[in-house]
N, C-alpha and C. Protein backbone atom coordinates (compact mmCIF):
# COMPACT_ATOMS: atom_id res chain seq x y z
N LEU A 1 -5.23 -7.96 14.92
CA LEU A 1 -5.18 -7.81 16.37
C LEU A 1 -3.76 -7.52 16.84
N LEU A 2 -2.77 -8.20 16.25
CA LEU A 2 -1.40 -7.97 16.70
C LEU A 2 -0.96 -6.55 16.37
N ARG A 3 -1.42 -6.01 15.23
CA ARG A 3 -1.03 -4.64 14.87
C ARG A 3 -1.65 -3.65 15.86
N GLU A 4 -2.86 -3.91 16.26
CA GLU A 4 -3.51 -3.03 17.24
C GLU A 4 -2.90 -3.23 18.62
N GLY A 5 -2.39 -4.42 18.85
CA GLY A 5 -1.78 -4.72 20.14
C GLY A 5 -2.61 -5.71 20.92
N CYS A 6 -1.95 -6.54 21.64
CA CYS A 6 -2.64 -7.48 22.53
C CYS A 6 -1.71 -7.74 23.71
N MET A 7 -2.28 -8.20 24.79
CA MET A 7 -1.49 -8.47 25.98
C MET A 7 -1.32 -9.96 26.12
N LEU A 8 -0.05 -10.35 26.29
CA LEU A 8 0.28 -11.76 26.46
C LEU A 8 1.18 -11.92 27.67
N LEU A 9 1.27 -13.12 28.16
CA LEU A 9 2.06 -13.42 29.35
C LEU A 9 3.23 -14.31 28.96
N ASP A 10 4.42 -13.96 29.47
CA ASP A 10 5.61 -14.79 29.26
C ASP A 10 5.80 -15.60 30.53
N PRO A 11 5.50 -16.90 30.50
CA PRO A 11 5.59 -17.71 31.71
C PRO A 11 7.02 -17.87 32.23
N ASP A 12 8.02 -17.60 31.38
CA ASP A 12 9.42 -17.72 31.79
C ASP A 12 9.97 -16.43 32.38
N ASP A 13 9.19 -15.35 32.34
CA ASP A 13 9.64 -14.05 32.85
C ASP A 13 9.07 -13.87 34.26
N ASP A 14 9.96 -13.90 35.25
CA ASP A 14 9.51 -13.75 36.64
C ASP A 14 9.37 -12.28 37.04
N GLY A 15 9.74 -11.37 36.16
CA GLY A 15 9.67 -9.96 36.47
C GLY A 15 8.25 -9.44 36.53
N THR A 16 8.13 -8.21 37.02
CA THR A 16 6.80 -7.60 37.14
C THR A 16 6.66 -6.43 36.16
N GLU A 17 7.74 -6.12 35.43
CA GLU A 17 7.68 -5.00 34.48
C GLU A 17 7.12 -5.45 33.14
N PRO A 18 6.19 -4.69 32.62
CA PRO A 18 5.67 -5.02 31.29
C PRO A 18 6.68 -4.59 30.22
N TRP A 19 6.57 -5.19 29.04
CA TRP A 19 7.41 -4.78 27.91
C TRP A 19 6.62 -4.98 26.62
N LEU A 20 7.04 -4.26 25.61
CA LEU A 20 6.40 -4.38 24.30
C LEU A 20 7.26 -5.27 23.42
N LEU A 21 6.61 -6.03 22.59
CA LEU A 21 7.30 -6.84 21.60
C LEU A 21 6.95 -6.29 20.23
N LEU A 22 7.98 -5.86 19.50
CA LEU A 22 7.75 -5.33 18.15
C LEU A 22 8.32 -6.29 17.12
N MET A 23 7.60 -6.45 16.03
CA MET A 23 8.06 -7.27 14.92
C MET A 23 8.32 -6.34 13.73
N MET A 24 9.48 -6.50 13.11
CA MET A 24 9.83 -5.69 11.93
C MET A 24 10.42 -6.61 10.88
N THR A 25 10.36 -6.16 9.63
CA THR A 25 11.03 -6.89 8.57
C THR A 25 12.19 -6.06 8.05
N HIS A 26 13.20 -6.75 7.58
CA HIS A 26 14.38 -6.09 7.02
C HIS A 26 14.75 -6.81 5.73
N LYS A 27 14.96 -6.04 4.66
CA LYS A 27 15.33 -6.62 3.36
C LYS A 27 16.72 -6.17 2.96
N VAL A 28 17.44 -7.08 2.32
CA VAL A 28 18.70 -6.75 1.66
C VAL A 28 18.45 -6.98 0.18
N THR A 29 18.74 -5.96 -0.63
CA THR A 29 18.46 -6.05 -2.06
C THR A 29 19.73 -5.84 -2.87
N GLY A 30 19.67 -6.29 -4.11
CA GLY A 30 20.74 -6.03 -5.05
C GLY A 30 20.48 -4.69 -5.73
N ALA A 31 21.43 -4.27 -6.55
CA ALA A 31 21.30 -2.98 -7.25
C ALA A 31 20.08 -2.97 -8.17
N ASP A 32 19.66 -4.14 -8.62
CA ASP A 32 18.50 -4.23 -9.51
C ASP A 32 17.17 -4.19 -8.76
N GLY A 33 17.23 -4.07 -7.44
CA GLY A 33 16.01 -4.01 -6.63
C GLY A 33 15.49 -5.37 -6.22
N LYS A 34 16.11 -6.42 -6.69
CA LYS A 34 15.68 -7.78 -6.37
C LYS A 34 16.06 -8.11 -4.93
N THR A 35 15.12 -8.66 -4.18
CA THR A 35 15.36 -9.01 -2.78
C THR A 35 16.29 -10.21 -2.70
N LEU A 36 17.41 -10.05 -1.99
CA LEU A 36 18.37 -11.13 -1.80
C LEU A 36 18.07 -11.89 -0.52
N SER A 37 17.55 -11.18 0.49
CA SER A 37 17.24 -11.81 1.76
C SER A 37 16.25 -10.92 2.51
N GLU A 38 15.38 -11.56 3.24
CA GLU A 38 14.43 -10.81 4.07
C GLU A 38 14.33 -11.53 5.41
N GLU A 39 14.40 -10.77 6.48
CA GLU A 39 14.30 -11.33 7.83
C GLU A 39 13.20 -10.63 8.61
N ILE A 40 12.58 -11.40 9.47
CA ILE A 40 11.67 -10.82 10.46
C ILE A 40 12.49 -10.69 11.73
N GLN A 41 12.43 -9.52 12.33
CA GLN A 41 13.22 -9.27 13.54
C GLN A 41 12.30 -8.79 14.65
N PHE A 42 12.62 -9.21 15.87
CA PHE A 42 11.81 -8.87 17.03
C PHE A 42 12.66 -8.13 18.05
N VAL A 43 12.07 -7.11 18.67
CA VAL A 43 12.75 -6.38 19.74
C VAL A 43 11.79 -6.18 20.90
N LYS A 44 12.37 -6.14 22.10
CA LYS A 44 11.61 -5.86 23.32
C LYS A 44 11.91 -4.43 23.73
N ILE A 45 10.86 -3.70 24.07
CA ILE A 45 11.02 -2.34 24.58
C ILE A 45 10.40 -2.29 25.97
N LYS A 46 11.19 -1.78 26.92
CA LYS A 46 10.70 -1.66 28.29
C LYS A 46 10.24 -0.24 28.56
N GLU A 47 9.61 -0.05 29.70
CA GLU A 47 9.04 1.25 30.07
C GLU A 47 10.09 2.37 30.07
N ASP A 48 11.34 2.04 30.42
CA ASP A 48 12.39 3.06 30.42
C ASP A 48 12.97 3.28 29.01
N GLU A 49 12.34 2.70 28.01
CA GLU A 49 12.71 2.80 26.59
C GLU A 49 14.01 2.07 26.27
N SER A 50 14.45 1.18 27.15
CA SER A 50 15.59 0.33 26.81
C SER A 50 15.09 -0.74 25.84
N VAL A 51 15.96 -1.11 24.94
CA VAL A 51 15.58 -2.04 23.86
C VAL A 51 16.57 -3.19 23.82
N GLN A 52 16.08 -4.37 23.50
CA GLN A 52 16.97 -5.52 23.33
C GLN A 52 16.42 -6.44 22.25
N ASP A 53 17.31 -7.19 21.66
CA ASP A 53 16.94 -8.18 20.65
C ASP A 53 16.11 -9.24 21.36
N ALA A 54 14.97 -9.58 20.78
CA ALA A 54 14.07 -10.56 21.41
C ALA A 54 14.26 -11.96 20.85
N GLY A 55 15.16 -12.12 19.88
CA GLY A 55 15.38 -13.45 19.30
C GLY A 55 14.52 -13.67 18.07
N TYR A 56 14.48 -14.92 17.61
CA TYR A 56 13.84 -15.22 16.33
C TYR A 56 12.34 -15.46 16.41
N ALA A 57 11.86 -16.03 17.46
CA ALA A 57 10.43 -16.30 17.56
C ALA A 57 9.98 -16.22 19.01
N PRO A 58 10.09 -15.05 19.62
CA PRO A 58 9.78 -14.93 21.05
C PRO A 58 8.30 -15.12 21.36
N TYR A 59 7.46 -14.96 20.39
CA TYR A 59 6.01 -15.06 20.60
C TYR A 59 5.57 -16.51 20.85
N LEU A 60 6.40 -17.47 20.50
CA LEU A 60 6.00 -18.88 20.63
C LEU A 60 5.73 -19.28 22.08
N ASP A 61 6.43 -18.67 23.03
CA ASP A 61 6.27 -19.04 24.43
C ASP A 61 5.24 -18.19 25.17
N LEU A 62 4.68 -17.22 24.50
CA LEU A 62 3.72 -16.32 25.17
C LEU A 62 2.32 -16.94 25.19
N HIS A 63 1.59 -16.62 26.25
CA HIS A 63 0.23 -17.15 26.42
C HIS A 63 -0.75 -16.01 26.64
N PRO A 64 -2.02 -16.24 26.30
CA PRO A 64 -3.03 -15.22 26.60
C PRO A 64 -3.15 -15.02 28.11
N ILE A 65 -3.47 -13.81 28.49
CA ILE A 65 -3.65 -13.50 29.91
C ILE A 65 -5.09 -13.82 30.30
N ASP A 66 -5.26 -14.42 31.46
CA ASP A 66 -6.61 -14.75 31.94
C ASP A 66 -7.40 -13.47 32.15
N ASP A 67 -8.71 -13.53 31.97
CA ASP A 67 -9.58 -12.36 32.07
C ASP A 67 -9.44 -11.59 33.38
N PRO A 68 -9.38 -12.23 34.55
CA PRO A 68 -9.25 -11.46 35.79
C PRO A 68 -7.95 -10.65 35.82
N ASP A 69 -6.87 -11.22 35.35
CA ASP A 69 -5.59 -10.50 35.33
C ASP A 69 -5.62 -9.38 34.30
N LEU A 70 -6.33 -9.59 33.22
CA LEU A 70 -6.40 -8.60 32.15
C LEU A 70 -7.07 -7.31 32.63
N GLU A 71 -8.06 -7.43 33.48
CA GLU A 71 -8.73 -6.25 34.02
C GLU A 71 -7.76 -5.39 34.83
N ASN A 72 -6.82 -6.02 35.54
CA ASN A 72 -5.84 -5.28 36.34
C ASN A 72 -4.83 -4.54 35.45
N LEU A 73 -4.71 -4.95 34.21
CA LEU A 73 -3.71 -4.37 33.31
C LEU A 73 -4.32 -3.43 32.27
N SER A 74 -5.61 -3.14 32.38
CA SER A 74 -6.28 -2.36 31.34
C SER A 74 -5.69 -0.96 31.17
N ASP A 75 -5.18 -0.36 32.24
CA ASP A 75 -4.61 0.99 32.11
C ASP A 75 -3.22 0.97 31.44
N LEU A 76 -2.60 -0.19 31.37
CA LEU A 76 -1.26 -0.31 30.76
C LEU A 76 -1.26 0.12 29.29
N ALA A 77 -2.29 -0.23 28.55
CA ALA A 77 -2.36 0.09 27.12
C ALA A 77 -2.44 1.60 26.87
N ASN A 78 -2.85 2.35 27.85
CA ASN A 78 -2.99 3.80 27.67
C ASN A 78 -1.79 4.59 28.18
N GLN A 79 -0.78 3.92 28.71
CA GLN A 79 0.39 4.63 29.20
C GLN A 79 1.17 5.23 28.03
N SER A 80 1.81 6.36 28.28
CA SER A 80 2.46 7.12 27.20
C SER A 80 3.58 6.33 26.53
N TRP A 81 4.35 5.54 27.27
CA TRP A 81 5.46 4.80 26.66
C TRP A 81 4.96 3.72 25.70
N VAL A 82 3.71 3.29 25.89
CA VAL A 82 3.12 2.29 24.98
C VAL A 82 2.53 2.99 23.76
N ARG A 83 1.92 4.14 23.97
CA ARG A 83 1.23 4.86 22.90
C ARG A 83 2.15 5.70 22.01
N ASN A 84 3.19 6.28 22.58
CA ASN A 84 3.98 7.29 21.85
C ASN A 84 5.34 6.77 21.39
N GLY A 85 5.41 6.36 20.16
CA GLY A 85 6.67 6.11 19.50
C GLY A 85 7.42 4.83 19.71
N PRO A 86 6.81 3.73 20.15
CA PRO A 86 7.61 2.51 20.28
C PRO A 86 8.13 2.02 18.93
N ASP A 87 7.38 2.29 17.85
CA ASP A 87 7.83 1.87 16.51
C ASP A 87 9.15 2.55 16.16
N THR A 88 9.25 3.84 16.46
CA THR A 88 10.46 4.60 16.14
C THR A 88 11.63 4.09 16.97
N ILE A 89 11.40 3.85 18.24
CA ILE A 89 12.46 3.36 19.13
C ILE A 89 12.93 1.98 18.65
N GLY A 90 11.99 1.11 18.34
CA GLY A 90 12.33 -0.23 17.87
C GLY A 90 13.05 -0.21 16.53
N ALA A 91 12.59 0.63 15.62
CA ALA A 91 13.21 0.72 14.29
C ALA A 91 14.63 1.27 14.41
N ARG A 92 14.83 2.25 15.29
CA ARG A 92 16.17 2.82 15.49
C ARG A 92 17.12 1.74 16.01
N TYR A 93 16.65 0.95 16.97
CA TYR A 93 17.49 -0.12 17.51
C TYR A 93 17.79 -1.17 16.43
N ALA A 94 16.76 -1.59 15.72
CA ALA A 94 16.93 -2.63 14.70
C ALA A 94 17.87 -2.16 13.59
N SER A 95 17.71 -0.91 13.16
CA SER A 95 18.57 -0.42 12.07
C SER A 95 20.01 -0.22 12.53
N GLY A 96 20.22 -0.01 13.81
CA GLY A 96 21.58 0.17 14.31
C GLY A 96 22.25 -1.12 14.77
N ASN A 97 21.44 -2.15 15.10
CA ASN A 97 22.00 -3.38 15.67
C ASN A 97 21.68 -4.65 14.89
N LEU A 98 20.44 -4.82 14.50
CA LEU A 98 20.03 -6.07 13.85
C LEU A 98 20.26 -6.05 12.34
N ALA A 99 19.86 -4.96 11.69
CA ALA A 99 19.99 -4.88 10.23
C ALA A 99 21.43 -4.95 9.76
N PRO A 100 22.38 -4.26 10.41
CA PRO A 100 23.77 -4.37 9.93
C PRO A 100 24.31 -5.80 9.98
N ARG A 101 23.94 -6.54 11.01
CA ARG A 101 24.38 -7.94 11.11
C ARG A 101 23.79 -8.76 9.97
N HIS A 102 22.52 -8.57 9.70
CA HIS A 102 21.85 -9.26 8.60
C HIS A 102 22.52 -8.90 7.27
N PHE A 103 22.75 -7.61 7.07
CA PHE A 103 23.38 -7.13 5.84
C PHE A 103 24.76 -7.76 5.64
N GLU A 104 25.57 -7.77 6.69
CA GLU A 104 26.93 -8.32 6.58
C GLU A 104 26.90 -9.83 6.28
N ASN A 105 25.97 -10.55 6.90
CA ASN A 105 25.85 -11.99 6.62
C ASN A 105 25.48 -12.23 5.15
N VAL A 106 24.51 -11.49 4.66
CA VAL A 106 24.08 -11.65 3.27
C VAL A 106 25.21 -11.23 2.33
N LYS A 107 25.84 -10.12 2.64
CA LYS A 107 26.94 -9.62 1.79
C LYS A 107 28.07 -10.65 1.72
N HIS A 108 28.45 -11.21 2.86
CA HIS A 108 29.52 -12.20 2.89
C HIS A 108 29.17 -13.42 2.04
N ARG A 109 27.95 -13.97 2.23
CA ARG A 109 27.52 -15.14 1.45
C ARG A 109 27.47 -14.82 -0.03
N ARG A 110 26.90 -13.66 -0.36
CA ARG A 110 26.74 -13.27 -1.76
C ARG A 110 28.09 -13.08 -2.45
N LEU A 111 28.98 -12.34 -1.81
CA LEU A 111 30.28 -12.09 -2.42
C LEU A 111 31.10 -13.37 -2.56
N SER A 112 31.00 -14.26 -1.57
CA SER A 112 31.69 -15.55 -1.65
C SER A 112 31.17 -16.35 -2.84
N HIS A 113 29.85 -16.38 -2.99
CA HIS A 113 29.23 -17.09 -4.12
C HIS A 113 29.65 -16.46 -5.45
N LEU A 114 29.65 -15.13 -5.52
CA LEU A 114 30.03 -14.45 -6.76
C LEU A 114 31.50 -14.68 -7.09
N ASP A 115 32.36 -14.73 -6.08
CA ASP A 115 33.77 -15.02 -6.33
C ASP A 115 33.94 -16.41 -6.94
N LYS A 116 33.22 -17.39 -6.41
CA LYS A 116 33.28 -18.75 -6.95
C LYS A 116 32.73 -18.78 -8.37
N THR A 117 31.65 -18.07 -8.61
CA THR A 117 31.05 -18.02 -9.94
C THR A 117 32.01 -17.39 -10.94
N LEU A 118 32.61 -16.26 -10.55
CA LEU A 118 33.55 -15.58 -11.43
C LEU A 118 34.75 -16.47 -11.75
N HIS A 119 35.23 -17.17 -10.75
CA HIS A 119 36.36 -18.08 -10.96
C HIS A 119 35.98 -19.17 -11.97
N ALA A 120 34.80 -19.76 -11.81
CA ALA A 120 34.35 -20.83 -12.71
C ALA A 120 34.15 -20.29 -14.13
N VAL A 121 33.55 -19.11 -14.24
CA VAL A 121 33.34 -18.50 -15.56
C VAL A 121 34.67 -18.22 -16.23
N ASN A 122 35.61 -17.62 -15.48
CA ASN A 122 36.94 -17.34 -16.03
C ASN A 122 37.62 -18.62 -16.51
N GLU A 123 37.55 -19.66 -15.66
CA GLU A 123 38.20 -20.92 -16.00
C GLU A 123 37.61 -21.53 -17.27
N ARG A 124 36.30 -21.61 -17.32
CA ARG A 124 35.64 -22.26 -18.46
C ARG A 124 35.87 -21.48 -19.75
N LEU A 125 35.59 -20.18 -19.73
CA LEU A 125 35.71 -19.39 -20.96
C LEU A 125 37.16 -19.21 -21.39
N THR A 126 38.07 -19.06 -20.44
CA THR A 126 39.48 -18.94 -20.79
C THR A 126 39.97 -20.23 -21.44
N SER A 127 39.52 -21.36 -20.93
CA SER A 127 39.88 -22.65 -21.52
C SER A 127 39.36 -22.75 -22.96
N GLU A 128 38.13 -22.34 -23.18
CA GLU A 128 37.58 -22.37 -24.53
C GLU A 128 38.31 -21.40 -25.45
N ILE A 129 38.65 -20.22 -24.94
CA ILE A 129 39.39 -19.24 -25.74
C ILE A 129 40.75 -19.82 -26.14
N ARG A 130 41.41 -20.47 -25.18
CA ARG A 130 42.71 -21.10 -25.51
C ARG A 130 42.54 -22.17 -26.59
N PHE A 131 41.51 -22.99 -26.46
CA PHE A 131 41.25 -24.05 -27.44
C PHE A 131 41.07 -23.46 -28.83
N TRP A 132 40.21 -22.45 -28.94
CA TRP A 132 39.92 -21.88 -30.25
C TRP A 132 41.11 -21.05 -30.78
N THR A 133 41.86 -20.45 -29.90
CA THR A 133 43.07 -19.73 -30.33
C THR A 133 44.09 -20.71 -30.89
N ASP A 134 44.28 -21.84 -30.21
CA ASP A 134 45.19 -22.88 -30.71
C ASP A 134 44.71 -23.42 -32.05
N LYS A 135 43.41 -23.64 -32.16
CA LYS A 135 42.84 -24.15 -33.42
C LYS A 135 43.07 -23.15 -34.54
N ALA A 136 42.88 -21.86 -34.25
CA ALA A 136 43.10 -20.82 -35.27
C ALA A 136 44.57 -20.79 -35.70
N GLU A 137 45.49 -20.97 -34.72
CA GLU A 137 46.91 -20.97 -35.05
C GLU A 137 47.27 -22.17 -35.92
N ARG A 138 46.69 -23.35 -35.60
CA ARG A 138 46.96 -24.54 -36.43
C ARG A 138 46.41 -24.34 -37.83
N LEU A 139 45.22 -23.74 -37.92
CA LEU A 139 44.64 -23.48 -39.25
C LEU A 139 45.48 -22.46 -40.02
N MET A 140 46.04 -21.48 -39.30
CA MET A 140 46.90 -20.48 -39.94
C MET A 140 48.15 -21.17 -40.52
N GLU A 141 48.68 -22.11 -39.73
CA GLU A 141 49.84 -22.87 -40.22
C GLU A 141 49.47 -23.69 -41.46
N ASP A 142 48.27 -24.30 -41.42
CA ASP A 142 47.80 -25.06 -42.58
C ASP A 142 47.64 -24.15 -43.79
N LYS A 143 47.14 -22.95 -43.57
CA LYS A 143 46.95 -21.98 -44.67
C LYS A 143 48.32 -21.62 -45.27
N GLN A 144 49.29 -21.39 -44.39
CA GLN A 144 50.63 -21.04 -44.87
C GLN A 144 51.27 -22.21 -45.61
N ALA A 145 50.83 -23.42 -45.31
CA ALA A 145 51.33 -24.61 -46.00
C ALA A 145 50.61 -24.83 -47.32
N GLY A 146 49.65 -23.94 -47.64
CA GLY A 146 48.97 -24.01 -48.92
C GLY A 146 47.62 -24.70 -48.90
N LYS A 147 47.11 -25.05 -47.74
CA LYS A 147 45.80 -25.69 -47.66
C LYS A 147 44.71 -24.62 -47.65
N ASP A 148 43.52 -25.00 -48.15
CA ASP A 148 42.38 -24.07 -48.15
C ASP A 148 41.65 -24.19 -46.81
N VAL A 149 41.81 -23.18 -45.97
CA VAL A 149 41.22 -23.22 -44.62
C VAL A 149 40.42 -21.96 -44.31
N ARG A 150 39.99 -21.25 -45.34
CA ARG A 150 39.33 -19.95 -45.10
C ARG A 150 38.11 -20.08 -44.17
N LEU A 151 37.24 -21.02 -44.46
CA LEU A 151 36.03 -21.15 -43.65
C LEU A 151 36.34 -21.54 -42.20
N PRO A 152 37.08 -22.63 -41.96
CA PRO A 152 37.37 -22.99 -40.57
C PRO A 152 38.18 -21.92 -39.84
N LEU A 153 39.10 -21.25 -40.53
CA LEU A 153 39.91 -20.21 -39.88
C LEU A 153 39.03 -19.03 -39.47
N GLY A 154 38.15 -18.61 -40.34
CA GLY A 154 37.22 -17.52 -40.02
C GLY A 154 36.32 -17.88 -38.86
N ARG A 155 35.85 -19.13 -38.84
CA ARG A 155 34.99 -19.58 -37.75
C ARG A 155 35.76 -19.60 -36.43
N ALA A 156 36.98 -20.08 -36.44
CA ALA A 156 37.79 -20.14 -35.23
C ALA A 156 38.05 -18.74 -34.69
N ARG A 157 38.39 -17.80 -35.57
CA ARG A 157 38.63 -16.42 -35.13
C ARG A 157 37.36 -15.80 -34.57
N SER A 158 36.25 -16.05 -35.24
CA SER A 158 34.96 -15.53 -34.78
C SER A 158 34.60 -16.11 -33.41
N MET A 159 34.89 -17.40 -33.24
CA MET A 159 34.59 -18.05 -31.97
C MET A 159 35.42 -17.45 -30.85
N VAL A 160 36.70 -17.19 -31.11
CA VAL A 160 37.57 -16.58 -30.10
C VAL A 160 37.01 -15.22 -29.70
N GLN A 161 36.62 -14.41 -30.68
CA GLN A 161 36.10 -13.08 -30.39
C GLN A 161 34.79 -13.17 -29.60
N ASP A 162 33.90 -14.09 -30.01
CA ASP A 162 32.63 -14.27 -29.29
C ASP A 162 32.87 -14.68 -27.84
N LEU A 163 33.80 -15.59 -27.63
CA LEU A 163 34.09 -16.04 -26.26
C LEU A 163 34.70 -14.93 -25.42
N GLN A 164 35.57 -14.14 -26.00
CA GLN A 164 36.15 -13.01 -25.26
C GLN A 164 35.07 -11.99 -24.90
N ASP A 165 34.15 -11.74 -25.85
CA ASP A 165 33.03 -10.83 -25.56
C ASP A 165 32.15 -11.38 -24.44
N ARG A 166 31.86 -12.70 -24.49
CA ARG A 166 31.04 -13.32 -23.45
C ARG A 166 31.71 -13.24 -22.09
N LEU A 167 33.03 -13.45 -22.09
CA LEU A 167 33.77 -13.39 -20.83
C LEU A 167 33.67 -12.00 -20.23
N GLU A 168 33.86 -10.98 -21.03
CA GLU A 168 33.76 -9.60 -20.53
C GLU A 168 32.34 -9.28 -20.06
N LEU A 169 31.36 -9.77 -20.82
CA LEU A 169 29.96 -9.55 -20.44
C LEU A 169 29.64 -10.19 -19.10
N ARG A 170 30.05 -11.45 -18.90
CA ARG A 170 29.79 -12.15 -17.64
C ARG A 170 30.53 -11.50 -16.47
N ARG A 171 31.77 -11.07 -16.72
CA ARG A 171 32.51 -10.38 -15.66
C ARG A 171 31.76 -9.12 -15.23
N GLY A 172 31.25 -8.38 -16.21
CA GLY A 172 30.48 -7.16 -15.91
C GLY A 172 29.22 -7.47 -15.13
N GLU A 173 28.50 -8.52 -15.54
CA GLU A 173 27.27 -8.91 -14.84
C GLU A 173 27.58 -9.28 -13.39
N ILE A 174 28.61 -10.08 -13.20
CA ILE A 174 28.96 -10.52 -11.84
C ILE A 174 29.40 -9.34 -10.99
N ASN A 175 30.15 -8.43 -11.56
CA ASN A 175 30.57 -7.24 -10.80
C ASN A 175 29.38 -6.37 -10.43
N ARG A 176 28.39 -6.26 -11.32
CA ARG A 176 27.18 -5.49 -10.98
C ARG A 176 26.40 -6.16 -9.86
N MET A 177 26.45 -7.49 -9.80
CA MET A 177 25.74 -8.23 -8.76
C MET A 177 26.38 -8.04 -7.38
N ARG A 178 27.57 -7.51 -7.34
CA ARG A 178 28.26 -7.25 -6.07
C ARG A 178 27.65 -6.04 -5.34
N ASP A 179 26.87 -5.24 -6.03
CA ASP A 179 26.25 -4.06 -5.43
C ASP A 179 25.05 -4.51 -4.60
N ILE A 180 25.21 -4.50 -3.30
CA ILE A 180 24.18 -4.99 -2.38
C ILE A 180 23.75 -3.82 -1.50
N ARG A 181 22.44 -3.72 -1.28
CA ARG A 181 21.92 -2.58 -0.51
C ARG A 181 21.05 -3.04 0.64
């Protein structure tokens, strides 16, 4: 019924001009196509095709129109401004005003989170790399002193290389996650 349209009354609107209420959804996705955020947005369109943000849940205050009043408004649904293109007008307004705000909010939150994640990953893996590098150096000193350290030294070097590879891999993943659409 809402897609076909219905007439409702706004008890807080003292005006006599009718307006259309359009509901649209807007998604912000990552480069992988995964939805990061989705919002439902509402806009009001008036007969002169002026558009304004209707807020988050404008339908909550609307009431059905009594039958006698509805008969007086029956010709309203057939007027050209109601029939011809309100979706396009509303979408143009939303894409120029509402969607950019949503996108910037999501982008700011996402990039802030990714910066914190990258910092934590760098800190943790760099600390482990330092630990294993120090261990490899101590084992190298032990080897030079004539001790048999082939196995532990090889493991320490392998661990350093694995950690460096993981660090580069995670940095790449986090940087790819910065691509928001």
